[in-house]
Every structure is written in C-alpha cells, then in structure tokens.
C-alpha cells in the first residue's frame, strides 16, 4: 500500500495499515515538528487523535 503526505511530497509504501499509520505519524513528527511547538500536552494529544483519524480516512479512501 502507498500513501502520500498532503503537506509535502513525501510518500510511504507499507505492507499493512498499521505500518502506513506508523510511517505517517513518524514522518509528521520528524518533518512537520513545527506544528507541535508550543502546544500543551492536552493539545498534542488532541492533535494526535485528529491525525490518527485523518490518516485512517486517507487509507480508507484508497480502498
């Protein structure tokens, strides 16, 4: 399976949905860390929940 980041030109290939999710979250933390700066722990947790849902919607849209 293949999935592209909507914020840049990065793409991942993975065997499972779990691997796609992990790759996308790691990419976000590495390449888009500026989005997390200055956030409280509650805000960070909310952002992670939103990103999880968004990533799974992107995966579902491909299938």
N, C-alpha and C. Protein backbone atom coordinates (compact mmCIF):
# COMPACT_ATOMS: atom_id res chain seq x y z
N UNK A 1 0.84 -1.17 0.00
CA UNK A 1 0.00 0.00 0.00
C UNK A 1 0.88 1.24 0.00
N UNK A 2 0.37 2.29 -0.61
CA UNK A 2 1.12 3.53 -0.74
C UNK A 2 0.26 4.67 -0.22
N UNK A 3 0.90 5.63 0.46
CA UNK A 3 0.18 6.78 0.99
C UNK A 3 1.10 7.99 0.92
N UNK A 4 0.56 9.14 0.51
CA UNK A 4 1.34 10.36 0.37
C UNK A 4 0.93 11.38 1.43
N UNK A 5 1.90 12.11 1.91
CA UNK A 5 1.65 13.21 2.84
C UNK A 5 0.98 14.34 2.08
N UNK A 6 -0.05 14.92 2.65
CA UNK A 6 -0.75 16.03 2.00
C UNK A 6 -0.01 17.35 2.17
N UNK A 7 0.96 17.39 3.09
CA UNK A 7 1.68 18.63 3.36
C UNK A 7 2.99 18.78 2.62
N UNK A 8 3.47 17.70 1.99
CA UNK A 8 4.74 17.76 1.26
C UNK A 8 4.76 16.63 0.23
N UNK A 9 5.89 16.40 -0.38
CA UNK A 9 5.98 15.41 -1.45
C UNK A 9 6.40 14.02 -0.97
N UNK A 10 6.42 13.78 0.33
CA UNK A 10 6.85 12.51 0.89
C UNK A 10 5.79 11.43 0.67
N UNK A 11 6.24 10.22 0.37
CA UNK A 11 5.34 9.09 0.16
C UNK A 11 5.90 7.87 0.90
N UNK A 12 5.01 7.04 1.41
CA UNK A 12 5.43 5.81 2.06
C UNK A 12 4.78 4.61 1.38
N UNK A 13 5.48 3.51 1.42
CA UNK A 13 4.95 2.23 0.97
C UNK A 13 5.02 1.29 2.16
N UNK A 14 3.97 0.54 2.40
CA UNK A 14 3.96 -0.38 3.54
C UNK A 14 3.10 -1.58 3.21
N UNK A 15 3.30 -2.62 3.96
CA UNK A 15 2.56 -3.87 3.76
C UNK A 15 1.20 -3.86 4.45
N UNK A 16 1.11 -3.16 5.59
CA UNK A 16 -0.12 -3.20 6.37
C UNK A 16 -0.61 -1.78 6.69
N UNK A 17 -1.86 -1.69 7.09
CA UNK A 17 -2.43 -0.41 7.51
C UNK A 17 -1.68 0.11 8.73
N UNK A 18 -1.35 -0.76 9.65
CA UNK A 18 -0.61 -0.35 10.85
C UNK A 18 0.74 0.26 10.49
N UNK A 19 1.43 -0.34 9.53
CA UNK A 19 2.72 0.20 9.10
C UNK A 19 2.55 1.56 8.43
N UNK A 20 1.51 1.71 7.61
CA UNK A 20 1.23 3.01 6.99
C UNK A 20 1.01 4.07 8.06
N UNK A 21 0.19 3.74 9.04
CA UNK A 21 -0.10 4.68 10.12
C UNK A 21 1.18 5.06 10.86
N UNK A 22 1.98 4.08 11.23
CA UNK A 22 3.23 4.35 11.95
C UNK A 22 4.17 5.21 11.13
N UNK A 23 4.31 4.90 9.83
CA UNK A 23 5.17 5.68 8.95
C UNK A 23 4.70 7.13 8.86
N UNK A 24 3.39 7.32 8.70
CA UNK A 24 2.85 8.67 8.57
C UNK A 24 3.03 9.47 9.86
N UNK A 25 2.80 8.85 11.00
CA UNK A 25 2.97 9.56 12.27
C UNK A 25 4.43 9.92 12.51
N UNK A 26 5.34 9.00 12.22
CA UNK A 26 6.77 9.29 12.39
C UNK A 26 7.18 10.41 11.45
N UNK A 27 6.72 10.35 10.21
CA UNK A 27 7.04 11.41 9.25
C UNK A 27 6.55 12.76 9.77
N UNK A 28 5.32 12.81 10.27
CA UNK A 28 4.78 14.06 10.79
C UNK A 28 5.60 14.61 11.94
N UNK A 29 6.01 13.74 12.84
CA UNK A 29 6.82 14.17 13.98
C UNK A 29 8.20 14.63 13.55
N UNK A 30 8.77 14.00 12.53
CA UNK A 30 10.11 14.36 12.05
C UNK A 30 10.11 15.59 11.15
N UNK A 31 9.25 15.59 10.15
CA UNK A 31 9.31 16.63 9.12
C UNK A 31 8.43 17.83 9.42
N UNK A 32 7.38 17.64 10.18
CA UNK A 32 6.44 18.73 10.45
C UNK A 32 6.39 19.04 11.94
N UNK A 33 7.52 18.92 12.62
CA UNK A 33 7.60 19.13 14.07
C UNK A 33 7.17 20.53 14.47
N UNK A 34 7.33 21.49 13.58
CA UNK A 34 6.95 22.87 13.90
C UNK A 34 5.47 22.98 14.27
N UNK A 35 4.65 22.06 13.81
CA UNK A 35 3.23 22.08 14.14
C UNK A 35 2.98 21.76 15.62
N UNK A 36 3.95 21.10 16.25
CA UNK A 36 3.80 20.67 17.64
C UNK A 36 4.40 21.66 18.64
N UNK A 37 5.18 22.62 18.15
CA UNK A 37 5.88 23.54 19.04
C UNK A 37 4.89 24.42 19.82
N UNK A 38 5.15 24.55 21.11
CA UNK A 38 4.36 25.43 21.95
C UNK A 38 3.00 24.89 22.37
N UNK A 39 2.73 23.65 22.04
CA UNK A 39 1.43 23.05 22.38
C UNK A 39 1.48 22.42 23.77
N UNK A 40 0.36 22.46 24.45
CA UNK A 40 0.27 21.79 25.75
C UNK A 40 0.13 20.29 25.51
N UNK A 41 0.30 19.51 26.56
CA UNK A 41 0.17 18.06 26.40
C UNK A 41 -1.25 17.69 25.96
N UNK A 42 -2.24 18.43 26.43
CA UNK A 42 -3.62 18.17 26.02
C UNK A 42 -3.81 18.48 24.53
N UNK A 43 -3.22 19.58 24.08
CA UNK A 43 -3.31 19.95 22.66
C UNK A 43 -2.60 18.92 21.79
N UNK A 44 -1.44 18.46 22.24
CA UNK A 44 -0.70 17.44 21.49
C UNK A 44 -1.51 16.15 21.38
N UNK A 45 -2.13 15.75 22.46
CA UNK A 45 -2.94 14.53 22.44
C UNK A 45 -4.12 14.68 21.48
N UNK A 46 -4.76 15.85 21.50
CA UNK A 46 -5.88 16.11 20.59
C UNK A 46 -5.41 16.10 19.14
N UNK A 47 -4.23 16.68 18.87
CA UNK A 47 -3.69 16.69 17.52
C UNK A 47 -3.41 15.27 17.04
N UNK A 48 -2.85 14.45 17.91
CA UNK A 48 -2.55 13.06 17.53
C UNK A 48 -3.82 12.29 17.22
N UNK A 49 -4.88 12.53 17.99
CA UNK A 49 -6.15 11.86 17.73
C UNK A 49 -6.72 12.29 16.38
N UNK A 50 -6.63 13.60 16.09
CA UNK A 50 -7.12 14.10 14.80
C UNK A 50 -6.31 13.52 13.65
N UNK A 51 -4.98 13.45 13.82
CA UNK A 51 -4.13 12.91 12.76
C UNK A 51 -4.40 11.42 12.56
N UNK A 52 -4.61 10.70 13.64
CA UNK A 52 -4.94 9.28 13.52
C UNK A 52 -6.19 9.10 12.67
N UNK A 53 -7.23 9.84 12.99
CA UNK A 53 -8.48 9.74 12.23
C UNK A 53 -8.27 10.15 10.77
N UNK A 54 -7.50 11.20 10.55
CA UNK A 54 -7.26 11.68 9.19
C UNK A 54 -6.48 10.65 8.37
N UNK A 55 -5.46 10.07 8.96
CA UNK A 55 -4.65 9.07 8.25
C UNK A 55 -5.52 7.86 7.88
N UNK A 56 -6.34 7.40 8.81
CA UNK A 56 -7.20 6.26 8.52
C UNK A 56 -8.24 6.60 7.46
N UNK A 57 -8.72 7.86 7.42
CA UNK A 57 -9.65 8.26 6.35
C UNK A 57 -8.93 8.25 5.00
N UNK A 58 -7.68 8.71 4.97
CA UNK A 58 -6.91 8.70 3.72
C UNK A 58 -6.70 7.26 3.24
N UNK A 59 -6.39 6.36 4.16
CA UNK A 59 -6.20 4.95 3.80
C UNK A 59 -7.51 4.37 3.27
N UNK A 60 -8.61 4.63 3.95
CA UNK A 60 -9.91 4.11 3.52
C UNK A 60 -10.31 4.64 2.16
N UNK A 61 -9.98 5.88 1.87
CA UNK A 61 -10.33 6.49 0.59
C UNK A 61 -9.62 5.80 -0.58
N UNK A 62 -8.49 5.19 -0.32
CA UNK A 62 -7.75 4.49 -1.37
C UNK A 62 -8.36 3.13 -1.68
N UNK A 63 -9.08 2.58 -0.75
CA UNK A 63 -9.60 1.21 -0.91
C UNK A 63 -11.01 1.18 -1.42
